[in-house]
């Protein structure tokens, strides 16, 4: 298995050749490569003595799907596993840090209730179980609901979130007995030896499409937010990625071919061509041949972004 920490370069010409030749086989190969990474990481976790895994990555890296696929792989090895999202520890509107322009900074690690996270982890360590909060995303506020999380001798807990590698999350009794995983797109795409589709651009496309499909957010709003998202990543995420014990590259070599068709339809339906940066993306997809989105497996990571 290749080293996911090293940026991989893939030529669009090679992608289009595979799309023309056998798109079904190409999709299957890409999905298998991602699954092989998941299974290799699961195998390493099981062979270790660590009972808690912190899994982090930047926006639209596929953290949620990766965490749950990792859980499934661990359980296929006969171990019990649970996934906890750090998003459930959000402080909620009116209780998060504020940027210089007065907007709330949801990218800050302190948009989360850090003290509560560590208290829950300590209780879990001491008692083998603890009540973890459930955030009310509809009202953007903590709720009164909780879920019981258990940690037996034969179970592995996966905690996922953009800030999971931040040291402030590890001020608890599990601190010396955790594994850290960094998930991100770490593949760039070239045309005639020129990089045209970077990992950050690919995540931006994922975020635009996901927010439109699943959060009902106009793509111009996501475009406006992206600057703060990237600034938050530079400040709160990237400084800690090298502390990860393992990396997973969540890029799918065929995804631009699927988004190509989907992105066109999204823009044409909503007439957003006048936004310069969106227009650039629109033009960028001309390099990629199209793959019908119906060819995407139902359990694909890409289903985190498109229905």
C-alpha atoms as a PDB file:
ATOM      1  CA  UNK A   1       0.000   0.000   0.000  1.00  0.00           C
ATOM      2  CA  UNK A   2       1.351   3.436  -0.922  1.00  0.00           C
ATOM      3  CA  UNK A   3       2.284   6.050   1.686  1.00  0.00           C
ATOM      4  CA  UNK A   4      -0.803   8.289   1.971  1.00  0.00           C
ATOM      5  CA  UNK A   5       1.333  10.995   3.586  1.00  0.00           C
ATOM      6  CA  UNK A   6       3.066  11.645   0.263  1.00  0.00           C
ATOM      7  CA  UNK A   7       1.150  13.674  -2.330  1.00  0.00           C
ATOM      8  CA  UNK A   8       0.284  11.501  -5.300  1.00  0.00           C
ATOM      9  CA  UNK A   9       0.095  12.912  -8.833  1.00  0.00           C
ATOM     10  CA  UNK A  10      -2.353  11.484 -11.374  1.00  0.00           C
ATOM     11  CA  UNK A  11      -2.574  12.581 -15.010  1.00  0.00           C
ATOM     12  CA  UNK A  12      -6.028  13.472 -16.314  1.00  0.00           C
ATOM     13  CA  UNK A  13      -5.026  11.877 -19.626  1.00  0.00           C
ATOM     14  CA  UNK A  14      -4.673   8.513 -17.848  1.00  0.00           C
ATOM     15  CA  UNK A  15      -8.016   8.986 -16.107  1.00  0.00           C
ATOM     16  CA  UNK A  16      -9.823   9.739 -19.352  1.00  0.00           C
ATOM     17  CA  UNK A  17      -8.241   6.704 -21.007  1.00  0.00           C
ATOM     18  CA  UNK A  18      -9.662   4.490 -18.250  1.00  0.00           C
ATOM     19  CA  UNK A  19     -13.051   6.167 -18.459  1.00  0.00           C
ATOM     20  CA  UNK A  20     -13.130   5.529 -22.200  1.00  0.00           C
ATOM     21  CA  UNK A  21     -11.943   1.940 -21.816  1.00  0.00           C
ATOM     22  CA  UNK A  22     -14.011   0.535 -18.918  1.00  0.00           C
ATOM     23  CA  UNK A  23     -15.556   3.059 -16.509  1.00  0.00           C
ATOM     24  CA  UNK A  24     -17.050   0.336 -14.289  1.00  0.00           C
ATOM     25  CA  UNK A  25     -13.662  -1.266 -13.781  1.00  0.00           C
ATOM     26  CA  UNK A  26     -12.069   2.128 -13.131  1.00  0.00           C
ATOM     27  CA  UNK A  27     -14.626   2.970 -10.432  1.00  0.00           C
ATOM     28  CA  UNK A  28     -14.146  -0.466  -8.818  1.00  0.00           C
ATOM     29  CA  UNK A  29     -10.358  -0.050  -8.757  1.00  0.00           C
ATOM     30  CA  UNK A  30     -10.590   3.370  -7.090  1.00  0.00           C
ATOM     31  CA  UNK A  31     -13.022   2.102  -4.462  1.00  0.00           C
ATOM     32  CA  UNK A  32     -10.826  -0.917  -3.762  1.00  0.00           C
ATOM     33  CA  UNK A  33      -7.749   1.247  -3.259  1.00  0.00           C
ATOM     34  CA  UNK A  34      -9.572   3.328  -0.638  1.00  0.00           C
ATOM     35  CA  UNK A  35     -10.947   0.194   1.064  1.00  0.00           C
ATOM     36  CA  UNK A  36      -7.462  -1.317   1.207  1.00  0.00           C
ATOM     37  CA  UNK A  37      -6.256   1.729   3.141  1.00  0.00           C
ATOM     38  CA  UNK A  38      -9.136   1.381   5.607  1.00  0.00           C
ATOM     39  CA  UNK A  39      -8.488  -2.323   6.161  1.00  0.00           C
ATOM     40  CA  UNK A  40      -4.756  -1.800   6.633  1.00  0.00           C
ATOM     41  CA  UNK A  41      -5.346   0.891   9.251  1.00  0.00           C
ATOM     42  CA  UNK A  42      -7.955  -1.287  11.009  1.00  0.00           C
ATOM     43  CA  UNK A  43      -5.467  -4.147  11.122  1.00  0.00           C
ATOM     44  CA  UNK A  44      -2.841  -1.886  12.710  1.00  0.00           C
ATOM     45  CA  UNK A  45      -5.322  -0.655  15.318  1.00  0.00           C
ATOM     46  CA  UNK A  46      -6.355  -4.169  16.276  1.00  0.00           C
ATOM     47  CA  UNK A  47      -2.747  -5.302  16.660  1.00  0.00           C
ATOM     48  CA  UNK A  48      -2.013  -2.374  18.976  1.00  0.00           C
ATOM     49  CA  UNK A  49      -3.031  -2.021  22.612  1.00  0.00           C
ATOM     50  CA  UNK A  50      -4.837   1.267  21.950  1.00  0.00           C
ATOM     51  CA  UNK A  51      -8.536   1.429  22.753  1.00  0.00           C
ATOM     52  CA  UNK A  52      -9.193   4.985  21.512  1.00  0.00           C
ATOM     53  CA  UNK A  53      -8.614   6.372  18.023  1.00  0.00           C
ATOM     54  CA  UNK A  54      -8.732  10.095  17.272  1.00  0.00           C
ATOM     55  CA  UNK A  55      -9.467  10.690  13.592  1.00  0.00           C
ATOM     56  CA  UNK A  56      -9.128  14.186  12.142  1.00  0.00           C
ATOM     57  CA  UNK A  57      -9.025  15.908   8.793  1.00  0.00           C
ATOM     58  CA  UNK A  58      -9.997  19.158   7.071  1.00  0.00           C
ATOM     59  CA  UNK A  59     -13.439  20.021   5.745  1.00  0.00           C
ATOM     60  CA  UNK A  60     -14.879  17.678   3.097  1.00  0.00           C
ATOM     61  CA  UNK A  61     -12.103  15.126   3.537  1.00  0.00           C
ATOM     62  CA  UNK A  62     -14.619  12.342   4.163  1.00  0.00           C
ATOM     63  CA  UNK A  63     -13.945  11.967   7.897  1.00  0.00           C
ATOM     64  CA  UNK A  64     -17.412  10.737   8.798  1.00  0.00           C
ATOM     65  CA  UNK A  65     -17.575   8.017   6.154  1.00  0.00           C
ATOM     66  CA  UNK A  66     -13.981   6.989   6.830  1.00  0.00           C
ATOM     67  CA  UNK A  67     -14.628   6.706  10.571  1.00  0.00           C
ATOM     68  CA  UNK A  68     -17.670   4.491  10.044  1.00  0.00           C
ATOM     69  CA  UNK A  69     -15.943   2.329   7.443  1.00  0.00           C
ATOM     70  CA  UNK A  70     -13.044   1.935   9.859  1.00  0.00           C
ATOM     71  CA  UNK A  71     -15.509   0.892  12.560  1.00  0.00           C
ATOM     72  CA  UNK A  72     -17.033  -1.701  10.202  1.00  0.00           C
ATOM     73  CA  UNK A  73     -13.617  -3.077   9.302  1.00  0.00           C
ATOM     74  CA  UNK A  74     -12.671  -3.389  12.980  1.00  0.00           C
ATOM     75  CA  UNK A  75     -15.933  -5.213  13.709  1.00  0.00           C
ATOM     76  CA  UNK A  76     -15.276  -7.565  10.799  1.00  0.00           C
ATOM     77  CA  UNK A  77     -12.189  -8.575  12.776  1.00  0.00           C
ATOM     78  CA  UNK A  78     -14.399  -9.534  15.721  1.00  0.00           C
ATOM     79  CA  UNK A  79     -13.930  -6.400  17.815  1.00  0.00           C
ATOM     80  CA  UNK A  80     -16.658  -4.066  19.046  1.00  0.00           C
ATOM     81  CA  UNK A  81     -16.296  -0.459  17.886  1.00  0.00           C
ATOM     82  CA  UNK A  82     -18.204   2.825  18.202  1.00  0.00           C
ATOM     83  CA  UNK A  83     -17.902   6.214  16.496  1.00  0.00           C
ATOM     84  CA  UNK A  84     -18.316   9.496  18.380  1.00  0.00           C
ATOM     85  CA  UNK A  85     -18.437  12.823  16.545  1.00  0.00           C
ATOM     86  CA  UNK A  86     -16.833  15.864  18.135  1.00  0.00           C
ATOM     87  CA  UNK A  87     -19.555  17.911  16.421  1.00  0.00           C
ATOM     88  CA  UNK A  88     -21.857  16.831  19.261  1.00  0.00           C
ATOM     89  CA  UNK A  89     -19.735  18.956  21.600  1.00  0.00           C
ATOM     90  CA  UNK A  90     -20.362  22.248  19.792  1.00  0.00           C
ATOM     91  CA  UNK A  91     -21.130  25.141  22.116  1.00  0.00           C
ATOM     92  CA  UNK A  92     -23.857  26.479  19.832  1.00  0.00           C
ATOM     93  CA  UNK A  93     -24.811  29.902  18.493  1.00  0.00           C
ATOM     94  CA  UNK A  94     -23.856  32.788  20.733  1.00  0.00           C
ATOM     95  CA  UNK A  95     -21.287  30.743  22.649  1.00  0.00           C
ATOM     96  CA  UNK A  96     -18.420  30.422  20.173  1.00  0.00           C
ATOM     97  CA  UNK A  97     -15.388  32.666  19.542  1.00  0.00           C
ATOM     98  CA  UNK A  98     -15.917  35.708  17.339  1.00  0.00           C
ATOM     99  CA  UNK A  99     -13.746  36.857  14.425  1.00  0.00           C
ATOM    100  CA  UNK A 100     -12.577  40.446  13.955  1.00  0.00           C
ATOM    101  CA  UNK A 101     -15.489  41.174  11.629  1.00  0.00           C
ATOM    102  CA  UNK A 102     -17.963  40.030  14.280  1.00  0.00           C
ATOM    103  CA  UNK A 103     -18.926  36.695  12.728  1.00  0.00           C
ATOM    104  CA  UNK A 104     -18.904  33.570  14.848  1.00  0.00           C
ATOM    105  CA  UNK A 105     -15.857  31.372  14.348  1.00  0.00           C
ATOM    106  CA  UNK A 106     -17.107  27.806  14.052  1.00  0.00           C
ATOM    107  CA  UNK A 107     -13.691  26.716  12.764  1.00  0.00           C
ATOM    108  CA  UNK A 108     -12.075  27.423  16.159  1.00  0.00           C
ATOM    109  CA  UNK A 109     -11.325  24.493  18.431  1.00  0.00           C
ATOM    110  CA  UNK A 110     -12.995  26.541  21.162  1.00  0.00           C
ATOM    111  CA  UNK A 111     -16.285  26.389  19.310  1.00  0.00           C
ATOM    112  CA  UNK A 112     -16.315  22.980  21.023  1.00  0.00           C
ATOM    113  CA  UNK A 113     -16.831  22.347  24.725  1.00  0.00           C
ATOM    114  CA  UNK A 114     -13.287  21.115  25.285  1.00  0.00           C
ATOM    115  CA  UNK A 115     -13.688  20.665  29.035  1.00  0.00           C
ATOM    116  CA  UNK A 116     -16.748  18.475  28.552  1.00  0.00           C
ATOM    117  CA  UNK A 117     -14.929  16.342  25.985  1.00  0.00           C
ATOM    118  CA  UNK A 118     -12.124  15.566  28.416  1.00  0.00           C
ATOM    119  CA  UNK A 119     -14.527  14.997  31.326  1.00  0.00           C
ATOM    120  CA  UNK A 120     -16.486  12.478  29.254  1.00  0.00           C
ATOM    121  CA  UNK A 121     -13.256  10.719  28.312  1.00  0.00           C
ATOM    122  CA  UNK A 122     -12.107  10.572  31.939  1.00  0.00           C
ATOM    123  CA  UNK A 123     -15.442   9.139  33.042  1.00  0.00           C
ATOM    124  CA  UNK A 124     -15.264   6.579  30.249  1.00  0.00           C
ATOM    125  CA  UNK A 125     -11.755   5.575  31.341  1.00  0.00           C
ATOM    126  CA  UNK A 126     -12.701   5.232  35.016  1.00  0.00           C
ATOM    127  CA  UNK A 127     -16.164   3.655  34.704  1.00  0.00           C
ATOM    128  CA  UNK A 128     -16.112   1.908  31.344  1.00  0.00           C
ATOM    129  CA  UNK A 129     -19.081   3.980  30.196  1.00  0.00           C
ATOM    130  CA  UNK A 130     -20.195   7.598  30.025  1.00  0.00           C
ATOM    131  CA  UNK A 131     -23.025   9.751  28.716  1.00  0.00           C
ATOM    132  CA  UNK A 132     -21.956  11.774  25.677  1.00  0.00           C
ATOM    133  CA  UNK A 133     -24.009  14.767  24.461  1.00  0.00           C
ATOM    134  CA  UNK A 134     -26.074  14.940  21.275  1.00  0.00           C
ATOM    135  CA  UNK A 135     -26.054  18.326  19.555  1.00  0.00           C
ATOM    136  CA  UNK A 136     -29.263  19.814  18.139  1.00  0.00           C
ATOM    137  CA  UNK A 137     -28.142  20.954  14.690  1.00  0.00           C
ATOM    138  CA  UNK A 138     -31.592  22.126  13.673  1.00  0.00           C
ATOM    139  CA  UNK A 139     -31.576  24.725  16.455  1.00  0.00           C
ATOM    140  CA  UNK A 140     -27.774  25.106  16.521  1.00  0.00           C
ATOM    141  CA  UNK A 141     -27.640  24.446  20.251  1.00  0.00           C
ATOM    142  CA  UNK A 142     -26.752  21.678  22.716  1.00  0.00           C
ATOM    143  CA  UNK A 143     -29.712  19.439  23.496  1.00  0.00           C
ATOM    144  CA  UNK A 144     -30.777  17.576  26.633  1.00  0.00           C
ATOM    145  CA  UNK A 145     -30.332  14.251  24.852  1.00  0.00           C
ATOM    146  CA  UNK A 146     -27.350  11.977  25.448  1.00  0.00           C
ATOM    147  CA  UNK A 147     -26.029   8.635  24.269  1.00  0.00           C
ATOM    148  CA  UNK A 148     -24.228   6.050  26.351  1.00  0.00           C
ATOM    149  CA  UNK A 149     -20.746   5.242  25.133  1.00  0.00           C
ATOM    150  CA  UNK A 150     -19.004   2.167  26.479  1.00  0.00           C
ATOM    151  CA  UNK A 151     -15.373   1.123  26.405  1.00  0.00           C
ATOM    152  CA  UNK A 152     -14.783  -2.506  27.278  1.00  0.00           C
ATOM    153  CA  UNK A 153     -11.551  -4.456  27.128  1.00  0.00           C
ATOM    154  CA  UNK A 154     -12.525  -5.787  23.708  1.00  0.00           C
ATOM    155  CA  UNK A 155     -13.824  -2.539  22.159  1.00  0.00           C
ATOM    156  CA  UNK A 156     -12.297   0.348  20.233  1.00  0.00           C
ATOM    157  CA  UNK A 157     -13.692   3.881  20.313  1.00  0.00           C
ATOM    158  CA  UNK A 158     -13.248   6.137  17.262  1.00  0.00           C
ATOM    159  CA  UNK A 159     -13.583   9.881  17.874  1.00  0.00           C
ATOM    160  CA  UNK A 160     -13.811  11.899  14.676  1.00  0.00           C
ATOM    161  CA  UNK A 161     -13.781  15.623  14.000  1.00  0.00           C
ATOM    162  CA  UNK A 162     -11.710  18.372  12.433  1.00  0.00           C
ATOM    163  CA  UNK A 163      -9.986  19.049  15.773  1.00  0.00           C
ATOM    164  CA  UNK A 164      -9.387  15.467  16.865  1.00  0.00           C
ATOM    165  CA  UNK A 165      -5.590  15.818  16.661  1.00  0.00           C
ATOM    166  CA  UNK A 166      -5.478  19.057  18.636  1.00  0.00           C
ATOM    167  CA  UNK A 167      -3.624  18.411  21.928  1.00  0.00           C
ATOM    168  CA  UNK A 168      -6.375  20.130  23.937  1.00  0.00           C
ATOM    169  CA  UNK A 169      -8.526  17.087  23.136  1.00  0.00           C
ATOM    170  CA  UNK A 170      -6.068  14.763  24.826  1.00  0.00           C
ATOM    171  CA  UNK A 171      -5.968  16.235  28.334  1.00  0.00           C
ATOM    172  CA  UNK A 172      -7.547  13.124  29.801  1.00  0.00           C
ATOM    173  CA  UNK A 173      -6.653   9.729  31.202  1.00  0.00           C
ATOM    174  CA  UNK A 174      -6.546   8.141  27.739  1.00  0.00           C
ATOM    175  CA  UNK A 175      -3.820  10.522  26.544  1.00  0.00           C
ATOM    176  CA  UNK A 176      -0.985   7.969  26.604  1.00  0.00           C
ATOM    177  CA  UNK A 177      -3.032   5.216  25.038  1.00  0.00           C
ATOM    178  CA  UNK A 178      -4.448   6.645  21.807  1.00  0.00           C
ATOM    179  CA  UNK A 179      -3.810   6.317  18.097  1.00  0.00           C
ATOM    180  CA  UNK A 180      -4.124   9.346  15.831  1.00  0.00           C
ATOM    181  CA  UNK A 181      -5.254   9.243  12.200  1.00  0.00           C
ATOM    182  CA  UNK A 182      -5.269  12.049   9.654  1.00  0.00           C
ATOM    183  CA  UNK A 183      -7.694  11.806   6.730  1.00  0.00           C
ATOM    184  CA  UNK A 184      -7.487  14.125   3.760  1.00  0.00           C
ATOM    185  CA  UNK A 185      -7.330  14.250  -0.006  1.00  0.00           C
ATOM    186  CA  UNK A 186      -3.660  13.931  -0.854  1.00  0.00           C
ATOM    187  CA  UNK A 187      -3.811  13.490  -4.614  1.00  0.00           C
ATOM    188  CA  UNK A 188      -3.320  16.193  -7.238  1.00  0.00           C
ATOM    189  CA  UNK A 189      -4.329  15.943 -10.886  1.00  0.00           C
ATOM    190  CA  UNK A 190      -2.347  17.189 -13.850  1.00  0.00           C
ATOM    191  CA  UNK A 191      -3.016  17.944 -17.506  1.00  0.00           C
ATOM    192  CA  UNK A 192       0.042  18.022 -19.769  1.00  0.00           C
ATOM    193  CA  UNK A 193       2.216  17.969 -16.639  1.00  0.00           C
ATOM    194  CA  UNK A 194       0.533  21.061 -15.170  1.00  0.00           C
ATOM    195  CA  UNK A 195      -1.383  20.744 -11.892  1.00  0.00           C
ATOM    196  CA  UNK A 196      -4.984  21.744 -12.576  1.00  0.00           C
ATOM    197  CA  UNK A 197      -6.908  20.111  -9.708  1.00  0.00           C
ATOM    198  CA  UNK A 198      -5.329  20.367  -6.270  1.00  0.00           C
ATOM    199  CA  UNK A 199      -6.437  18.549  -3.104  1.00  0.00           C
ATOM    200  CA  UNK A 200      -7.823  21.820  -1.741  1.00  0.00           C
ATOM    201  CA  UNK A 201      -9.777  22.492  -4.935  1.00  0.00           C
ATOM    202  CA  UNK A 202     -11.173  18.961  -4.829  1.00  0.00           C
ATOM    203  CA  UNK A 203     -12.336  19.421  -1.219  1.00  0.00           C
ATOM    204  CA  UNK A 204     -13.884  22.762  -2.146  1.00  0.00           C
ATOM    205  CA  UNK A 205     -15.929  21.067  -4.867  1.00  0.00           C
ATOM    206  CA  UNK A 206     -16.998  18.369  -2.426  1.00  0.00           C
ATOM    207  CA  UNK A 207     -18.053  21.011   0.098  1.00  0.00           C
ATOM    208  CA  UNK A 208     -20.033  23.042  -2.482  1.00  0.00           C
ATOM    209  CA  UNK A 209     -21.928  19.980  -3.639  1.00  0.00           C
ATOM    210  CA  UNK A 210     -22.511  18.521  -0.163  1.00  0.00           C
ATOM    211  CA  UNK A 211     -23.777  21.762   1.344  1.00  0.00           C
ATOM    212  CA  UNK A 212     -26.160  22.280  -1.558  1.00  0.00           C
ATOM    213  CA  UNK A 213     -27.488  18.713  -1.486  1.00  0.00           C
ATOM    214  CA  UNK A 214     -27.687  17.951   2.206  1.00  0.00           C
ATOM    215  CA  UNK A 215     -27.766  21.307   3.975  1.00  0.00           C
ATOM    216  CA  UNK A 216     -29.852  23.325   1.545  1.00  0.00           C
ATOM    217  CA  UNK A 217     -27.145  25.973   1.363  1.00  0.00           C
ATOM    218  CA  UNK A 218     -26.740  28.055  -1.818  1.00  0.00           C
ATOM    219  CA  UNK A 219     -23.325  27.543  -3.337  1.00  0.00           C
ATOM    220  CA  UNK A 220     -22.524  31.263  -3.190  1.00  0.00           C
ATOM    221  CA  UNK A 221     -22.897  31.061   0.612  1.00  0.00           C
ATOM    222  CA  UNK A 222     -20.473  28.138   0.779  1.00  0.00           C
ATOM    223  CA  UNK A 223     -18.108  30.092  -1.469  1.00  0.00           C
ATOM    224  CA  UNK A 224     -18.229  33.031   0.944  1.00  0.00           C
ATOM    225  CA  UNK A 225     -17.502  30.754   3.922  1.00  0.00           C
ATOM    226  CA  UNK A 226     -14.604  28.926   2.271  1.00  0.00           C
ATOM    227  CA  UNK A 227     -12.052  31.646   3.052  1.00  0.00           C
ATOM    228  CA  UNK A 228     -12.731  31.305   6.784  1.00  0.00           C
ATOM    229  CA  UNK A 229     -12.762  27.513   6.509  1.00  0.00           C
ATOM    230  CA  UNK A 230      -9.277  27.529   4.956  1.00  0.00           C
ATOM    231  CA  UNK A 231      -7.998  30.064   7.500  1.00  0.00           C
ATOM    232  CA  UNK A 232      -9.303  27.835  10.297  1.00  0.00           C
ATOM    233  CA  UNK A 233      -7.565  24.814   8.800  1.00  0.00           C
ATOM    234  CA  UNK A 234      -4.254  26.663   8.650  1.00  0.00           C
ATOM    235  CA  UNK A 235      -4.591  27.721  12.281  1.00  0.00           C
ATOM    236  CA  UNK A 236      -6.214  24.736  13.962  1.00  0.00           C
ATOM    237  CA  UNK A 237      -5.731  21.607  11.832  1.00  0.00           C
ATOM    238  CA  UNK A 238      -2.580  21.580   9.706  1.00  0.00           C
ATOM    239  CA  UNK A 239      -0.220  22.373  12.631  1.00  0.00           C
ATOM    240  CA  UNK A 240      -1.111  19.005  14.188  1.00  0.00           C
ATOM    241  CA  UNK A 241      -1.384  16.705  11.176  1.00  0.00           C
ATOM    242  CA  UNK A 242       2.221  15.510  11.473  1.00  0.00           C
ATOM    243  CA  UNK A 243       1.401  14.119  14.919  1.00  0.00           C
ATOM    244  CA  UNK A 244      -0.780  11.476  13.250  1.00  0.00           C
ATOM    245  CA  UNK A 245       0.337   7.864  13.530  1.00  0.00           C
ATOM    246  CA  UNK A 246      -1.380   6.968  10.251  1.00  0.00           C
ATOM    247  CA  UNK A 247      -2.691   8.807   7.190  1.00  0.00           C
ATOM    248  CA  UNK A 248      -5.531   7.965   4.825  1.00  0.00           C
ATOM    249  CA  UNK A 249      -5.876   9.567   1.383  1.00  0.00           C
ATOM    250  CA  UNK A 250      -9.606   9.888   0.717  1.00  0.00           C
ATOM    251  CA  UNK A 251      -9.246  11.012  -2.897  1.00  0.00           C
ATOM    252  CA  UNK A 252     -11.064   8.993  -5.544  1.00  0.00           C
ATOM    253  CA  UNK A 253      -9.400   9.211  -8.939  1.00  0.00           C
ATOM    254  CA  UNK A 254     -12.772   9.094 -10.654  1.00  0.00           C
ATOM    255  CA  UNK A 255     -14.635  11.672  -8.551  1.00  0.00           C
ATOM    256  CA  UNK A 256     -14.001  14.669 -10.809  1.00  0.00           C
ATOM    257  CA  UNK A 257     -15.519  12.644 -13.643  1.00  0.00           C
ATOM    258  CA  UNK A 258     -18.706  12.202 -11.599  1.00  0.00           C
ATOM    259  CA  UNK A 259     -18.782  15.759 -10.249  1.00  0.00           C
ATOM    260  CA  UNK A 260     -18.187  16.978 -13.818  1.00  0.00           C
ATOM    261  CA  UNK A 261     -21.738  16.082 -14.820  1.00  0.00           C
ATOM    262  CA  UNK A 262     -23.267  16.947 -11.449  1.00  0.00           C
ATOM    263  CA  UNK A 263     -21.558  20.325 -11.156  1.00  0.00           C
ATOM    264  CA  UNK A 264     -22.697  21.353 -14.611  1.00  0.00           C
ATOM    265  CA  UNK A 265     -26.319  20.606 -13.757  1.00  0.00           C
ATOM    266  CA  UNK A 266     -26.071  22.414 -10.418  1.00  0.00           C
ATOM    267  CA  UNK A 267     -24.717  25.570 -12.025  1.00  0.00           C
ATOM    268  CA  UNK A 268     -27.115  25.547 -14.942  1.00  0.00           C
ATOM    269  CA  UNK A 269     -30.098  25.092 -12.625  1.00  0.00           C
ATOM    270  CA  UNK A 270     -29.052  27.977 -10.393  1.00  0.00           C
ATOM    271  CA  UNK A 271     -27.309  30.303 -12.865  1.00  0.00           C
ATOM    272  CA  UNK A 272     -24.177  30.858 -10.761  1.00  0.00           C
ATOM    273  CA  UNK A 273     -21.767  31.213 -13.694  1.00  0.00           C
ATOM    274  CA  UNK A 274     -21.297  34.897 -12.848  1.00  0.00           C
ATOM    275  CA  UNK A 275     -19.268  34.085  -9.719  1.00  0.00           C
ATOM    276  CA  UNK A 276     -15.664  34.191 -11.037  1.00  0.00           C
ATOM    277  CA  UNK A 277     -14.251  31.387  -8.885  1.00  0.00           C
ATOM    278  CA  UNK A 278     -17.245  29.166  -9.624  1.00  0.00           C
ATOM    279  CA  UNK A 279     -16.822  29.881 -13.323  1.00  0.00           C
ATOM    280  CA  UNK A 280     -13.201  28.720 -13.060  1.00  0.00           C
ATOM    281  CA  UNK A 281     -14.374  25.406 -11.599  1.00  0.00           C
ATOM    282  CA  UNK A 282     -16.993  25.126 -14.321  1.00  0.00           C
ATOM    283  CA  UNK A 283     -14.257  25.465 -16.943  1.00  0.00           C
ATOM    284  CA  UNK A 284     -11.920  23.120 -15.073  1.00  0.00           C
ATOM    285  CA  UNK A 285     -14.246  20.148 -15.431  1.00  0.00           C
ATOM    286  CA  UNK A 286     -13.900  20.316 -19.207  1.00  0.00           C
ATOM    287  CA  UNK A 287     -10.627  18.420 -18.748  1.00  0.00           C
ATOM    288  CA  UNK A 288     -12.390  15.371 -17.274  1.00  0.00           C
ATOM    289  CA  UNK A 289     -14.522  12.897 -19.190  1.00  0.00           C
ATOM    290  CA  UNK A 290     -17.895  12.174 -17.632  1.00  0.00           C
ATOM    291  CA  UNK A 291     -18.912   9.100 -15.618  1.00  0.00           C
ATOM    292  CA  UNK A 292     -22.592   8.558 -14.885  1.00  0.00           C
ATOM    293  CA  UNK A 293     -23.204   9.083 -11.166  1.00  0.00           C
ATOM    294  CA  UNK A 294     -25.329   5.911 -11.178  1.00  0.00           C
ATOM    295  CA  UNK A 295     -22.081   3.969 -11.347  1.00  0.00           C
ATOM    296  CA  UNK A 296     -21.105   5.139  -7.859  1.00  0.00           C
ATOM    297  CA  UNK A 297     -21.528   2.274  -5.348  1.00  0.00           C
ATOM    298  CA  UNK A 298     -24.191   2.935  -2.708  1.00  0.00           C
ATOM    299  CA  UNK A 299     -21.601   2.565   0.068  1.00  0.00           C
ATOM    300  CA  UNK A 300     -19.028   4.846  -1.579  1.00  0.00           C
ATOM    301  CA  UNK A 301     -17.381   7.665   0.331  1.00  0.00           C
ATOM    302  CA  UNK A 302     -18.657   9.969  -2.424  1.00  0.00           C
ATOM    303  CA  UNK A 303     -22.205   9.375  -1.199  1.00  0.00           C
ATOM    304  CA  UNK A 304     -21.266  11.677   1.678  1.00  0.00           C
ATOM    305  CA  UNK A 305     -21.413  14.488  -0.878  1.00  0.00           C
ATOM    306  CA  UNK A 306     -24.029  13.528  -3.450  1.00  0.00           C
ATOM    307  CA  UNK A 307     -27.388  11.723  -2.960  1.00  0.00           C
END
